[in-house]
Amino acid sequence: MSDNELQKLVEKISMVWFHKPFLHQAYFNRRLKTTGGRYHLQDHNIDINPKMAADSEILTGIIKHELVHYHLHQLGYSGKHQTVRFKQLLKQVGGSRYAPRLTDNYKYLYRCSQCEQPFYRQRKINLKRFVCSKCHGKLELIKTISKN
């Protein structure tokens, strides 16, 4: 999908779901790694992680999420995630609350010895120093995941 196709898709979703035009630019940004998209308060543009374009349903949910930020800001309201207005509008249009994790870059799998909560990490951690964030139990290394 090109930037022009993304622009047309964002404009279409804006008219269908929000009944208002999207008058700014939408484009892909390869530098986004952990987020699905971003709305810029200064220039009102939206940039989208190109990895999200692999699945049209995920892409649509992320575009709706960013358009909620956009339209609330255009109306003079706060577009922050924790506001009631944001949550209501996001639920109304069916946007995604969080961007899904597309690839797992984890090398180490740890598990709490008490609550058995799994923890995935990219770097090895000191088991004498760190404990479970849920119950403060002792962590143990379950396996090292090789990247082949």
N, C-alpha and C. Protein backbone atom coordinates (compact mmCIF):
# COMPACT_ATOMS: atom_id res chain seq x y z
N MET A 1 0.85 -1.18 0.00
CA MET A 1 0.00 0.00 0.00
C MET A 1 0.89 1.24 0.00
N SER A 2 0.56 2.19 -0.82
CA SER A 2 1.34 3.42 -0.91
C SER A 2 0.75 4.49 0.02
N ASP A 3 1.47 5.60 0.14
CA ASP A 3 0.99 6.71 0.95
C ASP A 3 -0.31 7.30 0.38
N ASN A 4 -0.42 7.34 -0.94
CA ASN A 4 -1.64 7.87 -1.56
C ASN A 4 -2.85 6.99 -1.25
N GLU A 5 -2.64 5.67 -1.30
CA GLU A 5 -3.73 4.74 -0.97
C GLU A 5 -4.12 4.87 0.49
N LEU A 6 -3.13 5.05 1.37
CA LEU A 6 -3.40 5.25 2.78
C LEU A 6 -4.19 6.54 3.00
N GLN A 7 -3.81 7.59 2.30
CA GLN A 7 -4.51 8.88 2.41
C GLN A 7 -5.99 8.72 2.03
N LYS A 8 -6.24 8.03 0.94
CA LYS A 8 -7.62 7.82 0.50
C LYS A 8 -8.40 6.97 1.50
N LEU A 9 -7.75 5.95 2.06
CA LEU A 9 -8.40 5.09 3.04
C LEU A 9 -8.76 5.88 4.30
N VAL A 10 -7.85 6.73 4.77
CA VAL A 10 -8.11 7.54 5.97
C VAL A 10 -9.26 8.51 5.70
N GLU A 11 -9.27 9.13 4.53
CA GLU A 11 -10.36 10.06 4.19
C GLU A 11 -11.70 9.33 4.12
N LYS A 12 -11.69 8.11 3.57
CA LYS A 12 -12.92 7.32 3.46
C LYS A 12 -13.43 6.91 4.84
N ILE A 13 -12.55 6.42 5.71
CA ILE A 13 -12.94 6.01 7.06
C ILE A 13 -13.45 7.21 7.84
N SER A 14 -12.83 8.36 7.65
CA SER A 14 -13.26 9.56 8.35
C SER A 14 -14.68 9.95 7.95
N MET A 15 -15.00 9.88 6.67
CA MET A 15 -16.34 10.25 6.22
C MET A 15 -17.39 9.22 6.64
N VAL A 16 -17.04 7.93 6.54
CA VAL A 16 -18.01 6.88 6.85
C VAL A 16 -18.30 6.81 8.35
N TRP A 17 -17.27 6.84 9.17
CA TRP A 17 -17.44 6.61 10.60
C TRP A 17 -17.63 7.88 11.42
N PHE A 18 -17.01 8.98 10.99
CA PHE A 18 -17.07 10.22 11.76
C PHE A 18 -17.96 11.28 11.10
N HIS A 19 -18.32 11.07 9.84
CA HIS A 19 -19.15 11.99 9.07
C HIS A 19 -18.52 13.38 8.98
N LYS A 20 -17.20 13.41 8.99
CA LYS A 20 -16.44 14.66 8.86
C LYS A 20 -15.23 14.37 7.99
N PRO A 21 -14.78 15.35 7.21
CA PRO A 21 -13.62 15.11 6.34
C PRO A 21 -12.31 15.14 7.11
N PHE A 22 -11.36 14.38 6.60
CA PHE A 22 -9.99 14.45 7.09
C PHE A 22 -9.23 15.36 6.14
N LEU A 23 -8.79 16.52 6.61
CA LEU A 23 -8.24 17.56 5.73
C LEU A 23 -6.72 17.66 5.75
N HIS A 24 -6.05 16.71 6.38
CA HIS A 24 -4.59 16.79 6.50
C HIS A 24 -3.95 15.56 5.87
N GLN A 25 -2.68 15.33 6.14
CA GLN A 25 -1.94 14.26 5.49
C GLN A 25 -1.88 13.01 6.38
N ALA A 26 -1.95 11.86 5.75
CA ALA A 26 -1.71 10.57 6.40
C ALA A 26 -0.62 9.87 5.59
N TYR A 27 0.35 9.30 6.28
CA TYR A 27 1.47 8.66 5.58
C TYR A 27 2.07 7.57 6.45
N PHE A 28 2.83 6.68 5.83
CA PHE A 28 3.53 5.62 6.55
C PHE A 28 4.85 6.15 7.10
N ASN A 29 5.22 5.69 8.27
CA ASN A 29 6.48 6.08 8.90
C ASN A 29 7.18 4.80 9.35
N ARG A 30 8.26 4.45 8.65
CA ARG A 30 9.01 3.23 8.95
C ARG A 30 9.70 3.27 10.31
N ARG A 31 9.89 4.47 10.85
CA ARG A 31 10.60 4.58 12.13
C ARG A 31 9.74 4.17 13.32
N LEU A 32 8.43 4.06 13.12
CA LEU A 32 7.57 3.61 14.22
C LEU A 32 7.79 2.11 14.41
N LYS A 33 8.18 1.72 15.61
CA LYS A 33 8.49 0.32 15.87
C LYS A 33 7.47 -0.35 16.79
N THR A 34 7.10 0.33 17.87
CA THR A 34 6.25 -0.30 18.87
C THR A 34 4.84 0.27 18.89
N THR A 35 4.58 1.28 18.12
CA THR A 35 3.26 1.91 18.11
C THR A 35 2.61 1.71 16.74
N GLY A 36 1.29 1.68 16.72
CA GLY A 36 0.58 1.47 15.47
C GLY A 36 0.48 2.73 14.63
N GLY A 37 0.35 3.88 15.29
CA GLY A 37 0.23 5.13 14.58
C GLY A 37 0.41 6.30 15.52
N ARG A 38 0.43 7.50 14.95
CA ARG A 38 0.64 8.69 15.76
C ARG A 38 -0.10 9.87 15.14
N TYR A 39 -0.77 10.64 15.99
CA TYR A 39 -1.42 11.87 15.56
C TYR A 39 -0.58 13.04 16.06
N HIS A 40 -0.24 13.97 15.17
CA HIS A 40 0.60 15.11 15.53
C HIS A 40 -0.27 16.32 15.83
N LEU A 41 -0.14 16.83 17.03
CA LEU A 41 -0.95 17.97 17.47
C LEU A 41 -0.62 19.25 16.70
N GLN A 42 0.63 19.45 16.34
CA GLN A 42 1.04 20.71 15.70
C GLN A 42 0.54 20.82 14.26
N ASP A 43 0.77 19.79 13.45
CA ASP A 43 0.38 19.89 12.04
C ASP A 43 -0.84 19.03 11.69
N HIS A 44 -1.39 18.31 12.65
CA HIS A 44 -2.61 17.51 12.51
C HIS A 44 -2.47 16.34 11.53
N ASN A 45 -1.24 15.96 11.22
CA ASN A 45 -1.02 14.82 10.33
C ASN A 45 -1.02 13.53 11.14
N ILE A 46 -1.24 12.44 10.43
CA ILE A 46 -1.24 11.12 11.04
C ILE A 46 -0.19 10.28 10.33
N ASP A 47 0.66 9.61 11.11
CA ASP A 47 1.56 8.65 10.50
C ASP A 47 1.28 7.27 11.08
N ILE A 48 1.42 6.27 10.22
CA ILE A 48 1.04 4.89 10.53
C ILE A 48 2.26 3.99 10.35
N ASN A 49 2.38 3.01 11.24
CA ASN A 49 3.42 2.00 11.13
C ASN A 49 3.10 1.12 9.91
N PRO A 50 4.02 1.01 8.93
CA PRO A 50 3.71 0.23 7.73
C PRO A 50 3.51 -1.26 8.00
N LYS A 51 4.01 -1.77 9.13
CA LYS A 51 3.81 -3.18 9.46
C LYS A 51 2.34 -3.48 9.74
N MET A 52 1.59 -2.45 10.11
CA MET A 52 0.18 -2.64 10.42
C MET A 52 -0.65 -2.81 9.15
N ALA A 53 -0.10 -2.49 7.99
CA ALA A 53 -0.84 -2.59 6.74
C ALA A 53 -0.96 -4.03 6.25
N ALA A 54 -0.28 -4.96 6.92
CA ALA A 54 -0.34 -6.36 6.51
C ALA A 54 -1.74 -6.93 6.72
N ASP A 55 -2.46 -6.45 7.72
CA ASP A 55 -3.81 -6.92 8.01
C ASP A 55 -4.76 -5.73 7.93
N SER A 56 -5.73 -5.79 7.02
CA SER A 56 -6.61 -4.64 6.79
C SER A 56 -7.49 -4.34 8.01
N GLU A 57 -7.89 -5.35 8.76
CA GLU A 57 -8.71 -5.12 9.95
C GLU A 57 -7.93 -4.37 11.03
N ILE A 58 -6.68 -4.76 11.24
CA ILE A 58 -5.81 -4.08 12.22
C ILE A 58 -5.56 -2.65 11.77
N LEU A 59 -5.27 -2.47 10.48
CA LEU A 59 -5.00 -1.14 9.93
C LEU A 59 -6.22 -0.22 10.11
N THR A 60 -7.40 -0.74 9.85
CA THR A 60 -8.62 0.06 10.01
C THR A 60 -8.81 0.47 11.46
N GLY A 61 -8.58 -0.45 12.39
CA GLY A 61 -8.71 -0.14 13.81
C GLY A 61 -7.75 0.93 14.26
N ILE A 62 -6.53 0.89 13.76
CA ILE A 62 -5.52 1.89 14.12
C ILE A 62 -5.86 3.25 13.51
N ILE A 63 -6.33 3.25 12.28
CA ILE A 63 -6.72 4.51 11.64
C ILE A 63 -7.88 5.14 12.41
N LYS A 64 -8.85 4.33 12.82
CA LYS A 64 -9.98 4.86 13.61
C LYS A 64 -9.48 5.46 14.92
N HIS A 65 -8.52 4.79 15.56
CA HIS A 65 -7.95 5.28 16.82
C HIS A 65 -7.32 6.65 16.62
N GLU A 66 -6.51 6.79 15.58
CA GLU A 66 -5.84 8.06 15.32
C GLU A 66 -6.84 9.14 14.89
N LEU A 67 -7.89 8.74 14.18
CA LEU A 67 -8.92 9.70 13.80
C LEU A 67 -9.73 10.19 14.99
N VAL A 68 -9.86 9.36 16.02
CA VAL A 68 -10.52 9.82 17.25
C VAL A 68 -9.70 10.95 17.85
N HIS A 69 -8.37 10.77 17.92
CA HIS A 69 -7.50 11.86 18.39
C HIS A 69 -7.71 13.11 17.53
N TYR A 70 -7.69 12.90 16.22
CA TYR A 70 -7.79 14.01 15.27
C TYR A 70 -9.10 14.79 15.43
N HIS A 71 -10.22 14.09 15.39
CA HIS A 71 -11.51 14.78 15.42
C HIS A 71 -11.80 15.42 16.78
N LEU A 72 -11.40 14.78 17.87
CA LEU A 72 -11.58 15.41 19.18
C LEU A 72 -10.75 16.69 19.27
N HIS A 73 -9.52 16.64 18.77
CA HIS A 73 -8.66 17.83 18.81
C HIS A 73 -9.22 18.94 17.92
N GLN A 74 -9.77 18.56 16.77
CA GLN A 74 -10.34 19.55 15.86
C GLN A 74 -11.57 20.24 16.48
N LEU A 75 -12.29 19.51 17.34
CA LEU A 75 -13.46 20.09 18.01
C LEU A 75 -13.09 20.84 19.29
N GLY A 76 -11.81 20.85 19.65
CA GLY A 76 -11.36 21.60 20.82
C GLY A 76 -11.37 20.80 22.11
N TYR A 77 -11.58 19.48 22.02
CA TYR A 77 -11.58 18.64 23.20
C TYR A 77 -10.21 17.99 23.37
N SER A 78 -9.98 17.45 24.55
CA SER A 78 -8.75 16.72 24.81
C SER A 78 -8.81 15.37 24.09
N GLY A 79 -7.75 15.02 23.44
CA GLY A 79 -7.69 13.74 22.74
C GLY A 79 -6.89 12.71 23.50
N LYS A 80 -6.73 12.91 24.81
CA LYS A 80 -5.95 11.96 25.61
C LYS A 80 -6.71 10.66 25.81
N HIS A 81 -5.96 9.57 25.95
CA HIS A 81 -6.55 8.24 26.04
C HIS A 81 -7.45 8.06 27.25
N GLN A 82 -7.15 8.70 28.36
CA GLN A 82 -7.88 8.42 29.59
C GLN A 82 -9.18 9.20 29.73
N THR A 83 -9.47 10.13 28.82
CA THR A 83 -10.69 10.92 28.95
C THR A 83 -11.91 10.09 28.56
N VAL A 84 -13.03 10.41 29.18
CA VAL A 84 -14.28 9.69 28.93
C VAL A 84 -14.72 9.88 27.49
N ARG A 85 -14.59 11.10 26.98
CA ARG A 85 -15.01 11.40 25.61
C ARG A 85 -14.22 10.55 24.60
N PHE A 86 -12.92 10.41 24.82
CA PHE A 86 -12.08 9.59 23.93
C PHE A 86 -12.54 8.14 23.95
N LYS A 87 -12.72 7.59 25.14
CA LYS A 87 -13.12 6.19 25.27
C LYS A 87 -14.48 5.93 24.64
N GLN A 88 -15.41 6.85 24.82
CA GLN A 88 -16.75 6.69 24.25
C GLN A 88 -16.72 6.72 22.73
N LEU A 89 -16.01 7.69 22.17
CA LEU A 89 -15.95 7.81 20.71
C LEU A 89 -15.21 6.62 20.10
N LEU A 90 -14.15 6.18 20.75
CA LEU A 90 -13.40 5.03 20.25
C LEU A 90 -14.27 3.78 20.24
N LYS A 91 -15.03 3.59 21.29
CA LYS A 91 -15.94 2.44 21.36
C LYS A 91 -17.05 2.56 20.32
N GLN A 92 -17.54 3.77 20.11
CA GLN A 92 -18.63 4.02 19.17
C GLN A 92 -18.23 3.67 17.74
N VAL A 93 -17.00 4.02 17.35
CA VAL A 93 -16.56 3.77 15.98
C VAL A 93 -15.87 2.42 15.82
N GLY A 94 -15.57 1.75 16.94
CA GLY A 94 -14.96 0.43 16.86
C GLY A 94 -13.47 0.45 16.57
N GLY A 95 -12.79 1.47 17.04
CA GLY A 95 -11.34 1.55 16.86
C GLY A 95 -10.62 0.68 17.87
N SER A 96 -9.36 0.38 17.58
CA SER A 96 -8.59 -0.46 18.50
C SER A 96 -7.95 0.41 19.58
N ARG A 97 -7.97 -0.10 20.79
CA ARG A 97 -7.42 0.62 21.94
C ARG A 97 -5.90 0.53 21.94
N TYR A 98 -5.37 -0.63 21.55
CA TYR A 98 -3.92 -0.86 21.54
C TYR A 98 -3.51 -1.46 20.19
N ALA A 99 -2.28 -1.16 19.80
CA ALA A 99 -1.74 -1.78 18.59
C ALA A 99 -1.28 -3.19 18.94
N PRO A 100 -1.60 -4.16 18.11
CA PRO A 100 -1.18 -5.53 18.42
C PRO A 100 0.31 -5.71 18.20
N ARG A 101 0.86 -6.65 18.92
CA ARG A 101 2.27 -6.99 18.75
C ARG A 101 2.36 -7.90 17.54
N LEU A 102 3.10 -7.48 16.52
CA LEU A 102 3.15 -8.25 15.28
C LEU A 102 4.25 -9.30 15.27
N THR A 103 5.39 -8.96 15.79
CA THR A 103 6.49 -9.93 15.82
C THR A 103 7.03 -10.02 17.23
N ASP A 104 7.47 -11.20 17.57
CA ASP A 104 8.07 -11.40 18.88
C ASP A 104 9.58 -11.37 18.74
N ASN A 105 10.20 -10.39 19.34
CA ASN A 105 11.65 -10.24 19.29
C ASN A 105 12.30 -10.69 20.59
N TYR A 106 11.63 -11.58 21.31
CA TYR A 106 12.12 -11.96 22.63
C TYR A 106 13.08 -13.13 22.56
N LYS A 107 14.10 -13.10 23.41
CA LYS A 107 15.09 -14.16 23.46
C LYS A 107 14.95 -15.02 24.70
N TYR A 108 14.39 -14.45 25.77
CA TYR A 108 14.35 -15.16 27.04
C TYR A 108 12.92 -15.23 27.58
N LEU A 109 12.57 -16.40 28.10
CA LEU A 109 11.28 -16.61 28.73
C LEU A 109 11.51 -16.92 30.21
N TYR A 110 10.95 -16.08 31.08
CA TYR A 110 11.03 -16.28 32.52
C TYR A 110 9.63 -16.55 33.04
N ARG A 111 9.56 -17.22 34.20
CA ARG A 111 8.27 -17.46 34.83
C ARG A 111 8.42 -17.29 36.33
N CYS A 112 7.37 -16.72 36.94
CA CYS A 112 7.34 -16.55 38.39
C CYS A 112 7.11 -17.91 39.03
N SER A 113 7.87 -18.21 40.09
CA SER A 113 7.72 -19.50 40.76
C SER A 113 6.46 -19.57 41.62
N GLN A 114 5.86 -18.41 41.96
CA GLN A 114 4.65 -18.41 42.79
C GLN A 114 3.38 -18.35 41.95
N CYS A 115 3.22 -17.29 41.16
CA CYS A 115 1.97 -17.11 40.40
C CYS A 115 2.06 -17.64 38.97
N GLU A 116 3.24 -18.08 38.54
CA GLU A 116 3.49 -18.66 37.22
C GLU A 116 3.20 -17.71 36.06
N GLN A 117 3.29 -16.41 36.34
CA GLN A 117 3.14 -15.38 35.31
C GLN A 117 4.35 -15.43 34.38
N PRO A 118 4.15 -15.54 33.04
CA PRO A 118 5.30 -15.55 32.13
C PRO A 118 5.81 -14.13 31.86
N PHE A 119 7.10 -14.00 31.66
CA PHE A 119 7.74 -12.74 31.32
C PHE A 119 8.68 -12.99 30.14
N TYR A 120 8.52 -12.22 29.07
CA TYR A 120 9.37 -12.32 27.90
C TYR A 120 10.31 -11.12 27.89
N ARG A 121 11.59 -11.37 27.68
CA ARG A 121 12.57 -10.29 27.70
C ARG A 121 13.54 -10.45 26.54
N GLN A 122 14.05 -9.30 26.07
CA GLN A 122 15.06 -9.32 25.02
C GLN A 122 16.45 -9.54 25.61
N ARG A 123 16.66 -9.07 26.82
CA ARG A 123 17.96 -9.20 27.47
C ARG A 123 17.86 -10.09 28.69
N LYS A 124 18.96 -10.70 29.00
CA LYS A 124 19.02 -11.55 30.18
C LYS A 124 18.95 -10.67 31.43
N ILE A 125 18.22 -11.11 32.45
CA ILE A 125 18.10 -10.32 33.67
C ILE A 125 18.74 -11.04 34.85
N ASN A 126 19.14 -10.26 35.85
CA ASN A 126 19.75 -10.79 37.06
C ASN A 126 18.63 -11.34 37.95
N LEU A 127 18.57 -12.65 38.11
CA LEU A 127 17.49 -13.29 38.86
C LEU A 127 17.59 -13.04 40.36
N LYS A 128 18.76 -12.64 40.84
CA LYS A 128 18.90 -12.32 42.27
C LYS A 128 18.37 -10.92 42.57
N ARG A 129 18.30 -10.09 41.55
CA ARG A 129 17.93 -8.70 41.74
C ARG A 129 16.46 -8.41 41.43
N PHE A 130 15.91 -9.10 40.41
CA PHE A 130 14.56 -8.81 39.95
C PHE A 130 13.57 -9.86 40.41
N VAL A 131 12.34 -9.41 40.69
CA VAL A 131 11.27 -10.30 41.13
C VAL A 131 10.04 -10.07 40.26
N CYS A 132 9.02 -10.88 40.45
CA CYS A 132 7.76 -10.77 39.71
C CYS A 132 7.09 -9.44 40.04
N SER A 133 6.59 -8.78 39.03
CA SER A 133 5.93 -7.48 39.24
C SER A 133 4.52 -7.64 39.81
N LYS A 134 3.95 -8.83 39.72
CA LYS A 134 2.60 -9.06 40.22
C LYS A 134 2.59 -9.45 41.70
N CYS A 135 3.41 -10.45 42.06
CA CYS A 135 3.34 -10.99 43.43
C CYS A 135 4.67 -10.92 44.18
N HIS A 136 5.71 -10.39 43.53
CA HIS A 136 7.06 -10.28 44.10
C HIS A 136 7.70 -11.64 44.36
N GLY A 137 7.26 -12.63 43.60
CA GLY A 137 7.84 -13.97 43.71
C GLY A 137 9.15 -14.06 42.97
N LYS A 138 9.84 -15.16 43.16
CA LYS A 138 11.14 -15.40 42.55
C LYS A 138 10.96 -15.78 41.07
N LEU A 139 11.79 -15.23 40.20
CA LEU A 139 11.74 -15.55 38.78
C LEU A 139 12.70 -16.68 38.46
N GLU A 140 12.34 -17.46 37.44
CA GLU A 140 13.23 -18.51 36.97
C GLU A 140 13.24 -18.51 35.45
N LEU A 141 14.42 -18.78 34.88
CA LEU A 141 14.56 -18.82 33.43
C LEU A 141 13.98 -20.13 32.93
N ILE A 142 13.02 -20.06 32.05
CA ILE A 142 12.38 -21.26 31.51
C ILE A 142 13.11 -21.73 30.26
N LYS A 143 13.29 -20.81 29.30
CA LYS A 143 14.03 -21.20 28.10
C LYS A 143 14.60 -19.99 27.39
N THR A 144 15.61 -20.25 26.62
CA THR A 144 16.23 -19.25 25.75
C THR A 144 15.72 -19.51 24.35
N ILE A 145 15.10 -18.50 23.76
CA ILE A 145 14.52 -18.66 22.42
C ILE A 145 15.56 -18.24 21.40
N SER A 146 15.92 -19.17 20.52
CA SER A 146 16.93 -18.87 19.52
C SER A 146 16.26 -18.21 18.32
N LYS A 147 16.97 -17.27 17.70
CA LYS A 147 16.48 -16.57 16.50
C LYS A 147 17.24 -17.12 15.30
N ASN A 148 16.59 -17.98 14.55
CA ASN A 148 17.23 -18.56 13.37
C ASN A 148 16.60 -18.04 12.12
